Amino acid sequence: MLQLQNVFKRFGDSEPWVLKDLSFTLEPGEGILIQGRSGSGKTTLLHILSGLEPPTEGAVLFNGRNISTLDDASLAIFRNKHIGFCFQDVHVQRHLTVLENVILPLLLRGEILSEAASRGRAILERLGLGGFSGKMPAVLSGGQGQRLVLGRALIGEPDILLADEPTGNLDEETARDILKMILDYQKASGTALVLVTHDAIPPSYNLRRYILSDGRLGAG
């Protein structure tokens, strides 16, 4: 489904390589765990996988289509349809309610508001945010805000879920809950997952594990 082919990345002709000759294939329903030191390029890799950042060399293929060559409008459509991205920081629209934030991807697809709202309320209930649908994001705690970000990433039923240190700013108990939600969803739904985290992941989740170091992927 998703192929990374000989990808290199640097942020300027005279800058060092952040990523060096990375290649792997992500199949439907497969999960990948990527770990590594801060600054090793993990976030850059996820941005390239999602089309947020182009590779300097190499290609990213989705079902055989090179997304690295798409224009900005086509990339936005691709991401909205196929990618769910759970960022480390809580990026939300502060002027929208919790419900409006979570259904935004559906509205951008042109879905009917009443149907999108029904789906939004259902996913907020699943995430323990049912009582906050009409409230503004400012009232949410850090853990609740991360659940909102996760709900927005999942509501469109993406083919691929990318999670970039989704527990990095949370206390241990909340982090454990968020990780379990992500991993259980991936296991139950068959969504492909690329997870970047420093947290320990039980072997029962059967993720393919990598260490990113010196710009290269090695077995984890």
C-alpha atoms as a PDB file:
ATOM      1  CA  MET A   1       0.000   0.000   0.000  1.00  0.00           C
ATOM      2  CA  LEU A   2       2.614   2.557   1.116  1.00  0.00           C
ATOM      3  CA  GLN A   3       6.169   2.292  -0.105  1.00  0.00           C
ATOM      4  CA  LEU A   4       9.184   4.335   0.829  1.00  0.00           C
ATOM      5  CA  GLN A   5      11.791   4.022  -1.913  1.00  0.00           C
ATOM      6  CA  ASN A   6      15.394   5.132  -1.298  1.00  0.00           C
ATOM      7  CA  VAL A   7      14.357   8.301   0.506  1.00  0.00           C
ATOM      8  CA  PHE A   8      16.940  10.879   1.498  1.00  0.00           C
ATOM      9  CA  LYS A   9      16.161  14.175   3.237  1.00  0.00           C
ATOM     10  CA  ARG A  10      18.069  17.318   4.106  1.00  0.00           C
ATOM     11  CA  PHE A  11      16.955  20.920   4.560  1.00  0.00           C
ATOM     12  CA  GLY A  12      19.444  22.692   2.299  1.00  0.00           C
ATOM     13  CA  ASP A  13      22.212  21.804  -0.125  1.00  0.00           C
ATOM     14  CA  SER A  14      24.929  22.379   2.454  1.00  0.00           C
ATOM     15  CA  GLU A  15      23.038  20.820   5.375  1.00  0.00           C
ATOM     16  CA  PRO A  16      23.667  17.280   6.680  1.00  0.00           C
ATOM     17  CA  TRP A  17      21.380  14.450   5.650  1.00  0.00           C
ATOM     18  CA  VAL A  18      18.566  13.899   8.164  1.00  0.00           C
ATOM     19  CA  LEU A  19      17.391  10.690   6.470  1.00  0.00           C
ATOM     20  CA  LYS A  20      19.586   8.409   4.378  1.00  0.00           C
ATOM     21  CA  ASP A  21      18.370   5.867   1.839  1.00  0.00           C
ATOM     22  CA  LEU A  22      15.249   4.703   3.702  1.00  0.00           C
ATOM     23  CA  SER A  23      13.105   2.009   2.119  1.00  0.00           C
ATOM     24  CA  PHE A  24      10.217  -0.037   3.511  1.00  0.00           C
ATOM     25  CA  THR A  25       6.704  -1.158   2.626  1.00  0.00           C
ATOM     26  CA  LEU A  26       3.640  -0.758   4.832  1.00  0.00           C
ATOM     27  CA  GLU A  27       0.836  -3.181   4.036  1.00  0.00           C
ATOM     28  CA  PRO A  28      -2.873  -2.743   4.931  1.00  0.00           C
ATOM     29  CA  GLY A  29      -3.445  -3.531   8.594  1.00  0.00           C
ATOM     30  CA  GLU A  30       0.261  -3.614   9.425  1.00  0.00           C
ATOM     31  CA  GLY A  31       1.768  -1.728  12.342  1.00  0.00           C
ATOM     32  CA  ILE A  32       5.250  -0.217  12.512  1.00  0.00           C
ATOM     33  CA  LEU A  33       6.940   1.163  15.628  1.00  0.00           C
ATOM     34  CA  ILE A  34       9.801   3.640  15.154  1.00  0.00           C
ATOM     35  CA  GLN A  35      11.971   4.671  18.055  1.00  0.00           C
ATOM     36  CA  GLY A  36      15.133   6.725  18.326  1.00  0.00           C
ATOM     37  CA  ARG A  37      16.774   9.630  20.095  1.00  0.00           C
ATOM     38  CA  SER A  38      15.357  13.149  19.934  1.00  0.00           C
ATOM     39  CA  GLY A  39      16.471  14.847  16.741  1.00  0.00           C
ATOM     40  CA  SER A  40      17.029  11.566  14.887  1.00  0.00           C
ATOM     41  CA  GLY A  41      14.516  12.447  12.145  1.00  0.00           C
ATOM     42  CA  LYS A  42      11.439  10.538  13.290  1.00  0.00           C
ATOM     43  CA  THR A  43       9.048  13.474  12.853  1.00  0.00           C
ATOM     44  CA  THR A  44      10.598  14.321   9.488  1.00  0.00           C
ATOM     45  CA  LEU A  45       9.969  10.749   8.366  1.00  0.00           C
ATOM     46  CA  LEU A  46       6.294  10.916   9.344  1.00  0.00           C
ATOM     47  CA  HIS A  47       5.922  14.237   7.551  1.00  0.00           C
ATOM     48  CA  ILE A  48       7.349  12.677   4.402  1.00  0.00           C
ATOM     49  CA  LEU A  49       5.043   9.654   4.691  1.00  0.00           C
ATOM     50  CA  SER A  50       2.021  11.965   4.931  1.00  0.00           C
ATOM     51  CA  GLY A  51       3.086  14.325   2.165  1.00  0.00           C
ATOM     52  CA  LEU A  52       3.599  17.237   4.550  1.00  0.00           C
ATOM     53  CA  GLU A  53       7.262  17.336   3.538  1.00  0.00           C
ATOM     54  CA  PRO A  54       8.798  16.193   0.226  1.00  0.00           C
ATOM     55  CA  PRO A  55      11.855  13.935   0.160  1.00  0.00           C
ATOM     56  CA  THR A  56      15.046  15.445  -1.214  1.00  0.00           C
ATOM     57  CA  GLU A  57      15.622  12.226  -3.133  1.00  0.00           C
ATOM     58  CA  GLY A  58      13.574   9.062  -3.550  1.00  0.00           C
ATOM     59  CA  ALA A  59       9.842   8.494  -3.697  1.00  0.00           C
ATOM     60  CA  VAL A  60       6.804   7.783  -1.519  1.00  0.00           C
ATOM     61  CA  LEU A  61       4.246   5.597  -3.278  1.00  0.00           C
ATOM     62  CA  PHE A  62       0.649   5.056  -2.196  1.00  0.00           C
ATOM     63  CA  ASN A  63      -0.956   2.207  -4.133  1.00  0.00           C
ATOM     64  CA  GLY A  64       1.690   2.769  -6.782  1.00  0.00           C
ATOM     65  CA  ARG A  65       1.130   6.531  -7.061  1.00  0.00           C
ATOM     66  CA  ASN A  66       4.070   8.792  -6.274  1.00  0.00           C
ATOM     67  CA  ILE A  67       2.631  11.303  -3.812  1.00  0.00           C
ATOM     68  CA  SER A  68       5.928  13.221  -3.844  1.00  0.00           C
ATOM     69  CA  THR A  69       4.975  14.640  -7.264  1.00  0.00           C
ATOM     70  CA  LEU A  70       1.477  15.868  -6.311  1.00  0.00           C
ATOM     71  CA  ASP A  71       0.679  19.577  -6.097  1.00  0.00           C
ATOM     72  CA  ASP A  72      -0.499  21.111  -2.816  1.00  0.00           C
ATOM     73  CA  ALA A  73      -4.222  20.804  -3.601  1.00  0.00           C
ATOM     74  CA  SER A  74      -3.895  17.136  -4.574  1.00  0.00           C
ATOM     75  CA  LEU A  75      -1.811  16.428  -1.482  1.00  0.00           C
ATOM     76  CA  ALA A  76      -4.465  17.988   0.746  1.00  0.00           C
ATOM     77  CA  ILE A  77      -7.122  15.758  -0.822  1.00  0.00           C
ATOM     78  CA  PHE A  78      -4.870  12.713  -0.441  1.00  0.00           C
ATOM     79  CA  ARG A  79      -4.217  13.403   3.234  1.00  0.00           C
ATOM     80  CA  ASN A  80      -7.866  14.054   4.020  1.00  0.00           C
ATOM     81  CA  LYS A  81      -8.971  10.820   2.364  1.00  0.00           C
ATOM     82  CA  HIS A  82      -6.215   8.402   3.331  1.00  0.00           C
ATOM     83  CA  ILE A  83      -4.129   9.720   6.272  1.00  0.00           C
ATOM     84  CA  GLY A  84      -4.949  10.257   9.926  1.00  0.00           C
ATOM     85  CA  PHE A  85      -2.216  12.202  11.737  1.00  0.00           C
ATOM     86  CA  CYS A  86      -2.028  12.333  15.529  1.00  0.00           C
ATOM     87  CA  PHE A  87       0.520  14.999  16.433  1.00  0.00           C
ATOM     88  CA  GLN A  88       2.414  15.277  19.709  1.00  0.00           C
ATOM     89  CA  ASP A  89       1.128  18.787  20.339  1.00  0.00           C
ATOM     90  CA  VAL A  90      -2.591  19.498  20.506  1.00  0.00           C
ATOM     91  CA  HIS A  91      -3.218  21.322  17.222  1.00  0.00           C
ATOM     92  CA  VAL A  92      -6.888  22.361  17.148  1.00  0.00           C
ATOM     93  CA  GLN A  93      -8.992  25.217  15.860  1.00  0.00           C
ATOM     94  CA  ARG A  94      -9.494  27.278  19.006  1.00  0.00           C
ATOM     95  CA  HIS A  95     -12.533  29.123  17.605  1.00  0.00           C
ATOM     96  CA  LEU A  96     -14.406  25.862  16.944  1.00  0.00           C
ATOM     97  CA  THR A  97     -16.134  23.633  19.479  1.00  0.00           C
ATOM     98  CA  VAL A  98     -14.830  20.178  20.335  1.00  0.00           C
ATOM     99  CA  LEU A  99     -17.439  18.605  18.050  1.00  0.00           C
ATOM    100  CA  GLU A 100     -16.688  21.015  15.214  1.00  0.00           C
ATOM    101  CA  ASN A 101     -12.976  20.219  15.521  1.00  0.00           C
ATOM    102  CA  VAL A 102     -13.463  16.476  15.394  1.00  0.00           C
ATOM    103  CA  ILE A 103     -15.770  16.549  12.341  1.00  0.00           C
ATOM    104  CA  LEU A 104     -13.705  19.058  10.372  1.00  0.00           C
ATOM    105  CA  PRO A 105     -12.120  16.376   8.123  1.00  0.00           C
ATOM    106  CA  LEU A 106     -15.581  15.124   7.154  1.00  0.00           C
ATOM    107  CA  LEU A 107     -16.840  18.612   6.344  1.00  0.00           C
ATOM    108  CA  LEU A 108     -13.796  19.215   4.162  1.00  0.00           C
ATOM    109  CA  ARG A 109     -14.812  16.094   2.238  1.00  0.00           C
ATOM    110  CA  GLY A 110     -18.214  17.618   1.633  1.00  0.00           C
ATOM    111  CA  GLU A 111     -20.203  15.387   3.974  1.00  0.00           C
ATOM    112  CA  ILE A 112     -23.610  16.568   5.207  1.00  0.00           C
ATOM    113  CA  LEU A 113     -23.310  18.423   8.517  1.00  0.00           C
ATOM    114  CA  SER A 114     -25.977  16.397  10.350  1.00  0.00           C
ATOM    115  CA  GLU A 115     -24.363  13.086   9.362  1.00  0.00           C
ATOM    116  CA  ALA A 116     -20.874  14.306  10.238  1.00  0.00           C
ATOM    117  CA  ALA A 117     -22.117  15.571  13.609  1.00  0.00           C
ATOM    118  CA  SER A 118     -23.708  12.194  14.379  1.00  0.00           C
ATOM    119  CA  ARG A 119     -20.451  10.401  13.648  1.00  0.00           C
ATOM    120  CA  GLY A 120     -18.548  13.011  15.631  1.00  0.00           C
ATOM    121  CA  ARG A 121     -20.684  12.578  18.725  1.00  0.00           C
ATOM    122  CA  ALA A 122     -20.251   8.806  18.512  1.00  0.00           C
ATOM    123  CA  ILE A 123     -16.454   8.977  18.386  1.00  0.00           C
ATOM    124  CA  LEU A 124     -16.344  11.567  21.185  1.00  0.00           C
ATOM    125  CA  GLU A 125     -18.370   9.175  23.343  1.00  0.00           C
ATOM    126  CA  ARG A 126     -15.912   6.375  22.592  1.00  0.00           C
ATOM    127  CA  LEU A 127     -13.040   8.639  23.636  1.00  0.00           C
ATOM    128  CA  GLY A 128     -14.710   9.767  26.854  1.00  0.00           C
ATOM    129  CA  LEU A 129     -15.393  13.282  25.566  1.00  0.00           C
ATOM    130  CA  GLY A 130     -19.141  13.029  25.053  1.00  0.00           C
ATOM    131  CA  GLY A 131     -19.858  15.728  27.596  1.00  0.00           C
ATOM    132  CA  PHE A 132     -17.560  18.233  25.878  1.00  0.00           C
ATOM    133  CA  SER A 133     -18.987  18.272  22.351  1.00  0.00           C
ATOM    134  CA  GLY A 134     -20.408  21.804  22.638  1.00  0.00           C
ATOM    135  CA  LYS A 135     -17.504  23.239  24.634  1.00  0.00           C
ATOM    136  CA  MET A 136     -14.421  25.054  23.381  1.00  0.00           C
ATOM    137  CA  PRO A 137     -11.045  23.230  23.335  1.00  0.00           C
ATOM    138  CA  ALA A 138      -9.604  25.632  25.925  1.00  0.00           C
ATOM    139  CA  VAL A 139     -11.495  23.821  28.704  1.00  0.00           C
ATOM    140  CA  LEU A 140      -9.867  20.460  27.941  1.00  0.00           C
ATOM    141  CA  SER A 141      -6.992  19.026  29.950  1.00  0.00           C
ATOM    142  CA  GLY A 142      -3.848  17.856  28.154  1.00  0.00           C
ATOM    143  CA  GLY A 143      -5.061  14.274  28.004  1.00  0.00           C
ATOM    144  CA  GLN A 144      -8.517  15.302  26.815  1.00  0.00           C
ATOM    145  CA  GLY A 145      -6.977  17.505  24.134  1.00  0.00           C
ATOM    146  CA  GLN A 146      -4.898  14.575  22.897  1.00  0.00           C
ATOM    147  CA  ARG A 147      -8.050  12.442  22.745  1.00  0.00           C
ATOM    148  CA  LEU A 148      -9.660  15.145  20.622  1.00  0.00           C
ATOM    149  CA  VAL A 149      -6.659  15.096  18.254  1.00  0.00           C
ATOM    150  CA  LEU A 150      -6.920  11.313  18.071  1.00  0.00           C
ATOM    151  CA  GLY A 151     -10.662  11.479  17.363  1.00  0.00           C
ATOM    152  CA  ARG A 152     -10.088  13.919  14.506  1.00  0.00           C
ATOM    153  CA  ALA A 153      -7.413  11.607  13.094  1.00  0.00           C
ATOM    154  CA  LEU A 154      -9.715   8.578  13.234  1.00  0.00           C
ATOM    155  CA  ILE A 155     -13.103   9.961  12.247  1.00  0.00           C
ATOM    156  CA  GLY A 156     -12.415   9.689   8.521  1.00  0.00           C
ATOM    157  CA  GLU A 157     -11.476   5.998   8.907  1.00  0.00           C
ATOM    158  CA  PRO A 158      -8.025   6.528   7.358  1.00  0.00           C
ATOM    159  CA  ASP A 159      -6.077   3.863   5.530  1.00  0.00           C
ATOM    160  CA  ILE A 160      -2.978   4.893   7.473  1.00  0.00           C
ATOM    161  CA  LEU A 161      -2.694   6.340  10.976  1.00  0.00           C
ATOM    162  CA  LEU A 162       0.518   8.229  11.741  1.00  0.00           C
ATOM    163  CA  ALA A 163       1.132   8.958  15.430  1.00  0.00           C
ATOM    164  CA  ASP A 164       4.065  11.201  16.369  1.00  0.00           C
ATOM    165  CA  GLU A 165       4.916  10.904  20.076  1.00  0.00           C
ATOM    166  CA  PRO A 166       1.210  11.190  20.960  1.00  0.00           C
ATOM    167  CA  THR A 167       1.976  10.746  24.672  1.00  0.00           C
ATOM    168  CA  GLY A 168       5.068  12.932  24.883  1.00  0.00           C
ATOM    169  CA  ASN A 169       3.405  15.688  26.932  1.00  0.00           C
ATOM    170  CA  LEU A 170       1.191  13.510  29.133  1.00  0.00           C
ATOM    171  CA  ASP A 171       1.477  11.965  32.575  1.00  0.00           C
ATOM    172  CA  GLU A 172       2.172   8.229  32.757  1.00  0.00           C
ATOM    173  CA  GLU A 173      -1.400   7.062  33.362  1.00  0.00           C
ATOM    174  CA  THR A 174      -2.929   9.263  30.651  1.00  0.00           C
ATOM    175  CA  ALA A 175      -0.153   8.282  28.236  1.00  0.00           C
ATOM    176  CA  ARG A 176      -0.907   4.618  28.821  1.00  0.00           C
ATOM    177  CA  ASP A 177      -4.607   5.203  28.083  1.00  0.00           C
ATOM    178  CA  ILE A 178      -3.927   7.104  24.857  1.00  0.00           C
ATOM    179  CA  LEU A 179      -1.480   4.479  23.586  1.00  0.00           C
ATOM    180  CA  LYS A 180      -3.937   1.700  24.351  1.00  0.00           C
ATOM    181  CA  MET A 181      -6.656   3.533  22.411  1.00  0.00           C
ATOM    182  CA  ILE A 182      -4.389   3.878  19.379  1.00  0.00           C
ATOM    183  CA  LEU A 183      -3.123   0.301  19.448  1.00  0.00           C
ATOM    184  CA  ASP A 184      -6.520  -1.260  20.142  1.00  0.00           C
ATOM    185  CA  TYR A 185      -8.070   0.766  17.328  1.00  0.00           C
ATOM    186  CA  GLN A 186      -5.375  -0.357  14.904  1.00  0.00           C
ATOM    187  CA  LYS A 187      -5.768  -3.968  15.941  1.00  0.00           C
ATOM    188  CA  ALA A 188      -9.566  -3.912  15.640  1.00  0.00           C
ATOM    189  CA  SER A 189      -9.933  -1.805  12.487  1.00  0.00           C
ATOM    190  CA  GLY A 190      -7.108  -3.077  10.310  1.00  0.00           C
ATOM    191  CA  THR A 191      -5.849   0.454   9.743  1.00  0.00           C
ATOM    192  CA  ALA A 192      -2.132   0.559   8.978  1.00  0.00           C
ATOM    193  CA  LEU A 193      -0.153   2.317  11.711  1.00  0.00           C
ATOM    194  CA  VAL A 194       3.203   4.057  11.961  1.00  0.00           C
ATOM    195  CA  LEU A 195       3.801   4.910  15.607  1.00  0.00           C
ATOM    196  CA  VAL A 196       6.692   7.000  16.922  1.00  0.00           C
ATOM    197  CA  THR A 197       7.034   6.758  20.681  1.00  0.00           C
ATOM    198  CA  HIS A 198       9.554   6.284  23.487  1.00  0.00           C
ATOM    199  CA  ASP A 199       7.012   4.254  25.455  1.00  0.00           C
ATOM    200  CA  ALA A 200       7.317   0.500  25.816  1.00  0.00           C
ATOM    201  CA  ILE A 201       4.859  -1.388  23.604  1.00  0.00           C
ATOM    202  CA  PRO A 202       3.821  -4.933  24.620  1.00  0.00           C
ATOM    203  CA  PRO A 203       4.838  -7.621  22.106  1.00  0.00           C
ATOM    204  CA  SER A 204       1.187  -8.741  21.920  1.00  0.00           C
ATOM    205  CA  TYR A 205       0.526  -5.835  19.526  1.00  0.00           C
ATOM    206  CA  ASN A 206       2.833  -7.452  16.957  1.00  0.00           C
ATOM    207  CA  LEU A 207       4.370  -4.276  15.553  1.00  0.00           C
ATOM    208  CA  ARG A 208       7.347  -4.290  13.195  1.00  0.00           C
ATOM    209  CA  ARG A 209      10.011  -2.434  15.155  1.00  0.00           C
ATOM    210  CA  TYR A 210      12.710  -0.077  13.919  1.00  0.00           C
ATOM    211  CA  ILE A 211      15.343   2.177  15.450  1.00  0.00           C
ATOM    212  CA  LEU A 212      16.116   5.380  13.539  1.00  0.00           C
ATOM    213  CA  SER A 213      19.725   6.370  14.116  1.00  0.00           C
ATOM    214  CA  ASP A 214      22.161   8.441  12.046  1.00  0.00           C
ATOM    215  CA  GLY A 215      19.448   8.836   9.423  1.00  0.00           C
ATOM    216  CA  ARG A 216      19.024   5.113   8.851  1.00  0.00           C
ATOM    217  CA  LEU A 217      16.500   2.480   9.978  1.00  0.00           C
ATOM    218  CA  GLY A 218      17.704  -0.607  11.801  1.00  0.00           C
ATOM    219  CA  ALA A 219      15.859  -3.476  13.421  1.00  0.00           C
ATOM    220  CA  GLY A 220      14.410  -2.565  16.801  1.00  0.00           C
END
